[in-house]
Every structure is written in C-alpha cells, then in structure tokens.
C-alpha cells in the first residue's frame, strides 16, 4: 500500500483519449482521470454536491457536468461553474513519466 503523498502509477498516456474520462481505483480511492488538450487532470470520483460518483459525467469543452443534478466544474481547476455544487472537486497532483501517468495519493 502506498504512503500518503506517494505517486502511484495508474495508466499509460496512450490509455486515455483527449476529452475522455476514465475511473481508476487506487488505494481504496475512486479517482477520475480526464485528458484535456493533452493535459491530464485527476479528481476524487465524488461531486461536492451530494458526494455521488462522477463516472458518467459529461465533458463539454473545459466543463465537467455531474450526471445526477447538473452541477458543473472547470476541468482544469476543479472549481464550481454551476450550482448545486457546494465547493470545488478534490484534486490530485498528476505527473507524466516515461509515457506513464502517476497520481499523488
């Protein structure tokens, strides 16, 4: 098991297409990974509104829309764009090394 603050490999860069969201289970955490404009963004798989999963969230431009109640978030920052979300998404640091994606848990 990884220690707090350790980078954990979750995927290869080639595993996710631009504009795509994928869900990964890492150390008992459910994480969504989004590729946008060649960059990767990782968040806890939980909307800040009612803590429901974002597995089926829609991506349009730089906006992520929760499938449950329509809350929207900026993909690059995790900040709320539209209510009923109560706060930003919980963001994880991402690094790319040797074609692999690592998330800091």
Protein backbone atom coordinates (compact mmCIF):
# COMPACT_ATOMS: atom_id res chain seq x y z
CA UNK A 1 0.00 0.00 0.00
CA UNK A 2 1.26 3.47 -0.89
CA UNK A 3 2.10 6.00 1.78
CA UNK A 4 0.40 9.39 1.96
CA UNK A 5 1.82 11.73 -0.64
CA UNK A 6 3.29 8.99 -2.82
CA UNK A 7 2.89 8.99 -6.60
CA UNK A 8 1.09 5.88 -7.81
CA UNK A 9 1.07 4.72 -11.44
CA UNK A 10 -2.49 4.45 -12.74
CA UNK A 11 -2.30 4.23 -16.54
CA UNK A 12 -0.31 4.72 -19.71
CA UNK A 13 -0.64 8.03 -21.55
CA UNK A 14 -1.96 6.08 -24.54
CA UNK A 15 -4.81 4.56 -22.46
CA UNK A 16 -6.93 7.74 -22.50
CA UNK A 17 -8.00 9.91 -25.41
CA UNK A 18 -8.36 13.68 -25.39
CA UNK A 19 -11.76 14.67 -23.97
CA UNK A 20 -12.17 11.30 -22.24
CA UNK A 21 -12.86 10.50 -18.57
CA UNK A 22 -11.78 7.21 -17.00
CA UNK A 23 -12.26 5.88 -13.48
CA UNK A 24 -9.47 4.19 -11.51
CA UNK A 25 -9.44 2.57 -8.08
CA UNK A 26 -6.21 3.48 -6.29
CA UNK A 27 -5.51 2.57 -2.66
CA UNK A 28 -9.23 2.39 -1.84
CA UNK A 29 -9.85 5.74 -3.55
CA UNK A 30 -12.01 6.11 -6.64
CA UNK A 31 -10.36 8.65 -8.96
CA UNK A 32 -11.48 10.15 -12.25
CA UNK A 33 -8.78 10.98 -14.78
CA UNK A 34 -9.54 13.38 -17.62
CA UNK A 35 -7.37 14.23 -20.61
CA UNK A 36 -8.00 17.72 -21.93
CA UNK A 37 -5.87 19.45 -24.54
CA UNK A 38 -3.07 16.96 -23.99
CA UNK A 39 -3.01 17.56 -20.21
CA UNK A 40 -4.22 15.17 -17.51
CA UNK A 41 -6.39 16.11 -14.52
CA UNK A 42 -7.29 13.82 -11.62
CA UNK A 43 -10.08 14.27 -9.07
CA UNK A 44 -11.78 12.28 -6.37
CA UNK A 45 -14.70 10.50 -8.01
CA UNK A 46 -17.24 12.45 -5.98
CA UNK A 47 -19.36 15.50 -6.72
CA UNK A 48 -19.20 18.10 -3.94
CA UNK A 49 -22.99 18.50 -4.04
CA UNK A 50 -24.19 15.13 -2.69
CA UNK A 51 -20.97 13.11 -2.87
CA UNK A 52 -22.29 10.98 -5.74
CA UNK A 53 -19.91 9.42 -8.27
CA UNK A 54 -18.92 11.21 -11.47
CA UNK A 55 -18.39 8.03 -13.55
CA UNK A 56 -20.94 9.12 -16.17
CA UNK A 57 -20.18 12.84 -16.08
CA UNK A 58 -20.28 14.69 -19.39
CA UNK A 59 -17.38 16.69 -20.77
CA UNK A 60 -18.05 19.72 -22.95
CA UNK A 61 -15.09 21.97 -23.64
CA UNK A 62 -13.45 22.60 -20.25
CA UNK A 63 -16.62 21.82 -18.27
CA UNK A 64 -17.47 18.61 -16.40
CA UNK A 65 -21.19 18.12 -15.70
CA UNK A 66 -22.34 15.83 -12.89
CA UNK A 67 -24.88 13.31 -14.22
CA UNK A 68 -27.00 13.44 -11.06
CA UNK A 69 -28.07 17.05 -10.53
CA UNK A 70 -26.24 19.03 -13.23
CA UNK A 71 -23.55 20.67 -11.09
CA UNK A 72 -20.68 21.83 -13.29
CA UNK A 73 -16.95 22.13 -12.67
CA UNK A 74 -13.99 23.59 -14.54
CA UNK A 75 -11.88 20.58 -15.55
CA UNK A 76 -8.58 22.45 -15.28
CA UNK A 77 -9.16 23.78 -11.74
CA UNK A 78 -11.99 21.72 -10.22
CA UNK A 79 -13.80 24.96 -9.35
CA UNK A 80 -17.60 25.16 -9.40
CA UNK A 81 -19.06 26.62 -12.59
CA UNK A 82 -22.74 25.96 -11.84
CA UNK A 83 -24.73 25.07 -8.73
CA UNK A 84 -25.88 22.99 -6.90
CA UNK A 85 -22.26 22.02 -6.14
CA UNK A 86 -21.10 23.33 -2.77
CA UNK A 87 -17.36 23.51 -3.41
CA UNK A 88 -14.56 22.50 -5.77
CA UNK A 89 -13.69 18.93 -6.62
CA UNK A 90 -10.91 17.32 -4.61
CA UNK A 91 -7.91 17.45 -6.93
CA UNK A 92 -4.90 15.14 -7.12
CA UNK A 93 -1.47 16.06 -8.47
CA UNK A 94 -0.61 14.33 -11.74
CA UNK A 95 2.79 13.71 -13.31
CA UNK A 96 3.80 12.02 -16.53
CA UNK A 97 6.99 9.99 -16.67
CA UNK A 98 8.19 7.64 -19.41
CA UNK A 99 4.72 7.51 -21.00
CA UNK A 100 3.03 6.60 -17.73
CA UNK A 101 0.52 8.60 -15.65
CA UNK A 102 1.10 8.93 -11.90
CA UNK A 103 -1.29 10.42 -9.34
CA UNK A 104 -0.18 11.63 -5.91
CA UNK A 105 -2.27 9.88 -3.25
